[in-house]
Amino acid sequence: PLPIKMSSHQGGKIEKGTTDSGLNFIWLRRNENQSSVLIYEFGAHVAEWNDANGKSKLYMSEKAILNGTKAIRGGIPICFPQFGKLGNYPQQHGFARNTVWKVVSTEQSDQNHETIAVFELNDSMVPWTSSDGKQTPYVAQLKVALHENGSLSCTMVVKNPSATDSFQFTTALHTYFSVSDVATTKVEGLHKLEYVDQIAKEPSKHLVIQTDPLVEFHSEVDRIYKQIPSKMVILDGNSPKTVIHVQSFYDAVVWNPYIEKTKTLTDMPEDAWKRFICVEAACASKPIVVAPGQQWVGVLSLE
């Protein structure tokens, strides 16, 4: 997509435009290198991240629906106010990924050497109506920052504007990482952790310990790792490693649909499982509770 408006600063560029299918987008670029980030206003969806060498680090399905009628398959979808079906919202993964967010601000911070876009969703834009009909006031924000070294950070803020009532939610930044070959891809940092095996018949009762030092992908993998460290690493064969840092996200969802599951996903090629893994910064195994007038902040950083 070509930009309609562009602002250029010493450290980076901010480009805004609309795709042929009607999706508004923002490109963040750094001048020091070839790094860039593409974000759609639909879902506040980070669709592309290129590192300092211009290498594409996120997987985007070749069959992704990019017209605003369906959540986008690939990049970093936002699961909110629930992950999967772990909550009392009737829709899988909540409503945030299927909704147009508003752009609060864009900024080139020369002092912090980062190029920034901030998005917001709140109950006046999209009501949060639970399965029991309860209405919940909320404000959700996503700050996307591209740093001078080409690293990416996504800061999620969930505010409770109510003066009287708490609310709870589950969430995930459902990151699809591009890999050269899933057969030689491994995830480091989850050794000896407990995880929920979501492929099991009764996942909540099927807790497993990660006994192998590295997570590998030789069949379908769908796990919620609990009490994760602040750092995880994706080892992609001979390719440069990808380092994941998290703050306040206490779970990691690791997913690859493998052969048979991929065949059921209409917005993904049948061989796509070979080219990506998901390692998602999440709060899924238990809900986050936000007291009246308080907020929760979670940070995902990728380098």
Protein backbone atom coordinates (compact mmCIF):
# COMPACT_ATOMS: atom_id res chain seq x y z
CA PRO A 1 0.00 0.00 0.00
CA LEU A 2 1.18 3.50 -0.83
CA PRO A 3 1.17 6.31 1.76
CA ILE A 4 -1.22 9.22 1.45
CA LYS A 5 0.38 11.41 4.10
CA MET A 6 3.95 11.35 5.36
CA SER A 7 5.79 13.17 8.12
CA SER A 8 9.57 12.87 8.26
CA HIS A 9 11.84 13.63 11.21
CA GLN A 10 15.49 13.26 12.01
CA GLY A 11 15.08 9.77 13.44
CA GLY A 12 12.25 8.30 11.40
CA LYS A 13 9.20 8.60 9.17
CA ILE A 14 5.48 8.17 9.82
CA GLU A 15 3.31 7.36 6.80
CA LYS A 16 -0.48 7.12 6.77
CA GLY A 17 -2.70 5.76 4.05
CA THR A 18 -5.53 3.46 3.00
CA THR A 19 -5.33 0.15 1.15
CA ASP A 20 -7.36 -0.58 -1.99
CA SER A 21 -9.69 -2.68 0.18
CA GLY A 22 -10.32 0.24 2.56
CA LEU A 23 -8.09 -0.50 5.55
CA ASN A 24 -6.39 2.55 7.06
CA PHE A 25 -2.77 1.94 7.99
CA ILE A 26 0.31 3.56 9.52
CA TRP A 27 3.91 2.79 8.56
CA LEU A 28 6.63 3.56 11.10
CA ARG A 29 10.17 3.68 9.70
CA ARG A 30 13.62 4.43 11.10
CA ASN A 31 16.17 6.43 9.13
CA GLU A 32 19.25 4.74 10.64
CA ASN A 33 18.48 1.36 9.04
CA GLN A 34 15.90 -0.62 7.08
CA SER A 35 13.51 -1.28 9.97
CA SER A 36 9.78 -0.59 9.67
CA VAL A 37 6.41 -1.53 11.14
CA LEU A 38 3.02 -1.62 9.41
CA ILE A 39 -0.08 -1.29 11.62
CA TYR A 40 -3.70 -1.42 10.49
CA GLU A 41 -6.29 0.59 12.40
CA PHE A 42 -8.53 -2.48 12.06
CA GLY A 43 -7.64 -4.40 15.20
CA ALA A 44 -4.69 -2.05 15.94
CA HIS A 45 -3.06 -4.92 14.11
CA VAL A 46 0.72 -5.00 13.66
CA ALA A 47 0.87 -6.67 10.26
CA GLU A 48 4.54 -6.38 9.38
CA TRP A 49 7.81 -5.81 11.22
CA ASN A 50 11.09 -5.59 9.36
CA ASP A 51 14.27 -5.52 11.42
CA ALA A 52 17.31 -3.26 10.99
CA ASN A 53 18.46 -5.35 8.02
CA GLY A 54 15.04 -5.20 6.38
CA LYS A 55 14.27 -8.85 7.19
CA SER A 56 10.58 -9.61 7.65
CA LYS A 57 10.15 -11.10 11.13
CA LEU A 58 6.39 -11.73 11.28
CA TYR A 59 4.35 -14.24 9.30
CA MET A 60 1.30 -12.98 7.41
CA SER A 61 -0.93 -15.57 5.80
CA GLU A 62 -0.96 -15.42 2.02
CA LYS A 63 -4.74 -15.93 2.28
CA ALA A 64 -5.38 -13.40 5.07
CA ILE A 65 -8.65 -11.46 4.72
CA LEU A 66 -7.63 -7.79 4.50
CA ASN A 67 -10.95 -6.03 4.01
CA GLY A 68 -12.21 -5.62 7.57
CA THR A 69 -14.73 -8.47 7.49
CA LYS A 70 -12.66 -10.93 9.48
CA ALA A 71 -9.75 -10.91 11.93
CA ILE A 72 -6.41 -10.81 10.11
CA ARG A 73 -4.49 -14.10 10.06
CA GLY A 74 -0.86 -13.32 10.87
CA GLY A 75 1.16 -10.47 12.38
CA ILE A 76 0.09 -9.61 15.95
CA PRO A 77 -3.67 -9.90 16.54
CA ILE A 78 -4.89 -8.59 19.90
CA CYS A 79 -7.01 -11.05 21.89
CA PHE A 80 -9.16 -8.94 24.25
CA PRO A 81 -11.19 -9.03 26.49
CA GLN A 82 -10.56 -12.74 26.42
CA PHE A 83 -8.15 -15.28 25.05
CA GLY A 84 -9.84 -18.13 23.19
CA LYS A 85 -12.97 -19.02 25.13
CA LEU A 86 -11.41 -18.37 28.55
CA GLY A 87 -13.92 -15.81 29.77
CA ASN A 88 -17.59 -14.84 29.61
CA TYR A 89 -17.51 -13.07 26.23
CA PRO A 90 -19.39 -15.03 23.55
CA GLN A 91 -16.84 -14.56 20.73
CA GLN A 92 -13.57 -16.50 20.35
CA HIS A 93 -10.63 -14.22 21.32
CA GLY A 94 -12.97 -11.29 22.08
CA PHE A 95 -13.77 -8.27 19.92
CA ALA A 96 -10.57 -6.18 19.77
CA ARG A 97 -9.10 -7.91 16.71
CA ASN A 98 -12.33 -7.40 14.71
CA THR A 99 -12.78 -3.70 15.45
CA VAL A 100 -11.39 -0.46 14.04
CA TRP A 101 -9.36 1.32 16.74
CA LYS A 102 -8.82 5.07 16.72
CA VAL A 103 -5.38 6.63 16.35
CA VAL A 104 -4.72 8.66 19.48
CA SER A 105 -1.32 9.97 18.42
CA THR A 106 1.76 9.45 16.30
CA GLU A 107 5.11 10.77 17.42
CA GLN A 108 8.77 10.84 16.50
CA SER A 109 10.65 10.91 19.81
CA ASP A 110 14.21 11.99 19.03
CA GLN A 111 14.99 12.02 22.75
CA ASN A 112 14.05 8.33 23.17
CA HIS A 113 15.10 7.40 19.64
CA GLU A 114 11.77 5.78 18.77
CA THR A 115 8.92 6.25 16.33
CA ILE A 116 5.50 5.74 17.91
CA ALA A 117 1.82 5.20 17.14
CA VAL A 118 -0.84 4.92 19.86
CA PHE A 119 -4.27 3.32 19.29
CA GLU A 120 -7.37 3.21 21.50
CA LEU A 121 -10.59 1.25 21.84
CA ASN A 122 -13.26 2.00 24.48
CA ASP A 123 -16.84 1.17 25.40
CA SER A 124 -18.26 4.19 23.54
CA MET A 125 -16.79 2.71 20.34
CA VAL A 126 -17.54 -0.97 20.98
CA PRO A 127 -19.64 -2.09 23.96
CA TRP A 128 -18.20 -4.92 26.06
CA THR A 129 -21.28 -7.06 26.59
CA SER A 130 -20.77 -10.33 28.43
CA SER A 131 -22.72 -13.52 27.76
CA ASP A 132 -25.00 -12.62 30.69
CA GLY A 133 -25.76 -9.21 29.18
CA LYS A 134 -23.60 -7.18 31.57
CA GLN A 135 -22.06 -3.98 30.16
CA THR A 136 -18.47 -3.23 31.19
CA PRO A 137 -16.89 0.23 30.77
CA TYR A 138 -13.25 0.03 29.63
CA VAL A 139 -10.43 1.79 27.82
CA ALA A 140 -7.81 -0.27 25.95
CA GLN A 141 -4.71 1.25 24.36
CA LEU A 142 -1.83 -0.12 22.32
CA LYS A 143 1.40 1.82 21.95
CA VAL A 144 3.57 0.54 19.09
CA ALA A 145 7.17 1.79 19.13
CA LEU A 146 9.92 1.17 16.59
CA HIS A 147 13.33 1.81 18.14
CA GLU A 148 16.53 3.06 16.54
CA ASN A 149 18.11 -0.42 16.58
CA GLY A 150 15.12 -1.85 14.69
CA SER A 151 13.52 -3.54 17.71
CA LEU A 152 9.76 -3.38 18.24
CA SER A 153 7.76 -2.89 21.42
CA CYS A 154 4.01 -3.14 21.98
CA THR A 155 2.67 -1.71 25.24
CA MET A 156 -0.89 -2.67 26.10
CA VAL A 157 -2.82 -0.62 28.66
CA VAL A 158 -6.26 -1.60 29.96
CA LYS A 159 -8.02 1.00 32.14
CA ASN A 160 -11.10 0.66 34.33
CA PRO A 161 -12.98 4.00 34.31
CA SER A 162 -15.67 2.75 36.70
CA ALA A 163 -15.78 4.32 40.16
CA THR A 164 -17.47 1.31 41.72
CA ASP A 165 -16.97 -1.98 39.85
CA SER A 166 -13.94 -4.13 39.13
CA PHE A 167 -13.67 -6.15 35.93
CA GLN A 168 -11.56 -9.06 34.78
CA PHE A 169 -10.22 -10.18 31.41
CA THR A 170 -7.82 -12.54 29.69
CA THR A 171 -5.65 -11.42 26.80
CA ALA A 172 -2.83 -12.21 24.39
CA LEU A 173 -0.70 -10.53 21.77
CA HIS A 174 -1.05 -13.45 19.36
CA THR A 175 2.30 -13.05 17.57
CA TYR A 176 2.97 -15.07 14.41
CA PHE A 177 6.74 -15.36 13.89
CA SER A 178 8.07 -16.14 10.45
CA VAL A 179 10.49 -19.09 10.42
CA SER A 180 12.49 -20.67 7.60
CA ASP A 181 11.52 -24.24 8.54
CA VAL A 182 9.41 -25.25 11.53
CA ALA A 183 11.19 -28.62 11.64
CA THR A 184 14.42 -26.92 12.73
CA THR A 185 12.81 -24.19 14.87
CA LYS A 186 13.08 -24.27 18.65
CA VAL A 187 11.97 -22.06 21.54
CA GLU A 188 14.31 -21.45 24.45
CA GLY A 189 13.36 -20.25 27.94
CA LEU A 190 10.45 -22.53 28.88
CA HIS A 191 12.39 -25.46 30.37
CA LYS A 192 10.83 -27.00 33.51
CA LEU A 193 7.74 -24.81 33.31
CA GLU A 194 4.22 -26.13 33.75
CA TYR A 195 1.89 -25.84 30.77
CA VAL A 196 -1.72 -26.53 29.87
CA ASP A 197 -1.95 -28.85 26.88
CA GLN A 198 -4.92 -27.45 24.96
CA ILE A 199 -5.02 -30.43 22.62
CA ALA A 200 -5.94 -32.70 25.54
CA LYS A 201 -9.61 -33.66 26.01
CA GLU A 202 -9.84 -31.72 29.27
CA PRO A 203 -7.09 -29.07 28.99
CA SER A 204 -7.63 -27.50 32.41
CA LYS A 205 -6.99 -30.87 34.03
CA HIS A 206 -4.04 -31.79 31.83
CA LEU A 207 -0.98 -30.01 33.22
CA VAL A 208 2.43 -31.02 31.87
CA ILE A 209 6.02 -30.13 32.75
CA GLN A 210 8.34 -29.06 29.92
CA THR A 211 11.13 -31.60 30.47
CA ASP A 212 13.06 -30.92 27.26
CA PRO A 213 15.31 -27.82 27.36
CA LEU A 214 13.87 -26.58 24.06
CA VAL A 215 10.34 -26.61 22.66
CA GLU A 216 10.27 -28.28 19.23
CA PHE A 217 7.56 -28.68 16.59
CA HIS A 218 7.11 -32.18 15.18
CA SER A 219 3.32 -32.36 15.58
CA GLU A 220 0.50 -29.98 16.49
CA VAL A 221 1.46 -27.80 19.46
CA ASP A 222 -1.07 -25.74 21.45
CA ARG A 223 0.12 -24.95 24.97
CA ILE A 224 -0.29 -22.29 27.64
CA TYR A 225 2.99 -22.05 29.58
CA LYS A 226 2.53 -20.60 33.07
CA GLN A 227 4.75 -18.29 35.14
CA ILE A 228 7.05 -17.56 32.23
CA PRO A 229 10.41 -15.76 32.47
CA SER A 230 10.85 -12.24 31.15
CA LYS A 231 12.93 -13.52 28.21
CA MET A 232 12.37 -16.20 25.57
CA VAL A 233 14.32 -16.91 22.38
CA ILE A 234 13.27 -18.33 19.01
CA LEU A 235 16.06 -20.34 17.36
CA ASP A 236 15.35 -20.66 13.64
CA GLY A 237 17.96 -23.04 12.23
CA ASN A 238 20.87 -20.96 10.93
CA SER A 239 18.86 -17.71 10.84
CA PRO A 240 19.45 -14.95 13.40
CA LYS A 241 17.60 -15.59 16.64
CA THR A 242 14.56 -13.58 17.72
CA VAL A 243 14.52 -12.45 21.34
CA ILE A 244 11.19 -11.93 23.14
CA HIS A 245 10.98 -9.81 26.30
CA VAL A 246 7.77 -9.48 28.34
CA GLN A 247 6.58 -7.47 31.31
CA SER A 248 3.37 -8.31 33.26
CA PHE A 249 2.37 -11.05 30.82
CA TYR A 250 2.63 -14.19 32.96
CA ASP A 251 1.76 -16.81 30.31
CA ALA A 252 3.13 -17.75 26.91
CA VAL A 253 0.90 -19.48 24.38
CA VAL A 254 2.96 -21.58 21.97
CA TRP A 255 1.08 -22.74 18.88
CA ASN A 256 1.62 -24.41 15.54
CA PRO A 257 -1.38 -26.11 13.89
CA TYR A 258 0.77 -28.56 11.91
CA ILE A 259 -0.66 -30.55 8.98
CA GLU A 260 -4.24 -31.56 9.76
CA LYS A 261 -5.33 -28.50 11.75
CA THR A 262 -4.02 -26.15 9.04
CA LYS A 263 -6.32 -27.82 6.50
CA THR A 264 -9.30 -26.57 8.52
CA LEU A 265 -8.16 -22.91 8.45
CA THR A 266 -9.70 -21.33 5.37
CA ASP A 267 -7.57 -18.17 5.55
CA MET A 268 -4.24 -20.03 5.52
CA PRO A 269 -2.50 -22.13 2.82
CA GLU A 270 -2.31 -25.84 3.62
CA ASP A 271 1.48 -25.76 3.86
CA ALA A 272 1.64 -22.57 5.96
CA TRP A 273 2.42 -24.51 9.16
CA LYS A 274 5.97 -25.00 7.87
CA ARG A 275 6.65 -21.25 7.88
CA PHE A 276 5.53 -19.91 11.27
CA ILE A 277 5.17 -20.46 14.96
CA CYS A 278 3.17 -18.44 17.48
CA VAL A 279 4.76 -17.47 20.78
CA GLU A 280 2.17 -15.24 22.38
CA ALA A 281 2.59 -12.92 25.35
CA ALA A 282 -0.55 -13.74 27.31
CA CYS A 283 -2.56 -13.69 30.49
CA ALA A 284 -4.77 -16.68 29.83
CA SER A 285 -4.43 -19.30 32.59
CA LYS A 286 -6.12 -16.94 35.05
CA PRO A 287 -7.84 -13.57 34.55
CA ILE A 288 -6.45 -10.15 35.32
CA VAL A 289 -8.61 -8.17 37.75
CA VAL A 290 -8.64 -4.38 37.36
CA ALA A 291 -10.03 -2.44 40.33
CA PRO A 292 -12.15 0.73 39.91
CA GLY A 293 -10.04 3.62 38.61
CA GLN A 294 -6.98 1.41 38.11
CA GLN A 295 -5.16 0.10 35.05
CA TRP A 296 -3.08 -2.87 33.90
CA VAL A 297 0.01 -2.48 31.70
CA GLY A 298 1.75 -5.25 29.75
CA VAL A 299 4.78 -4.93 27.47
CA LEU A 300 6.01 -7.14 24.62
CA SER A 301 9.43 -6.29 23.14
CA LEU A 302 10.96 -8.05 20.13
CA GLU A 303 14.50 -7.86 18.85
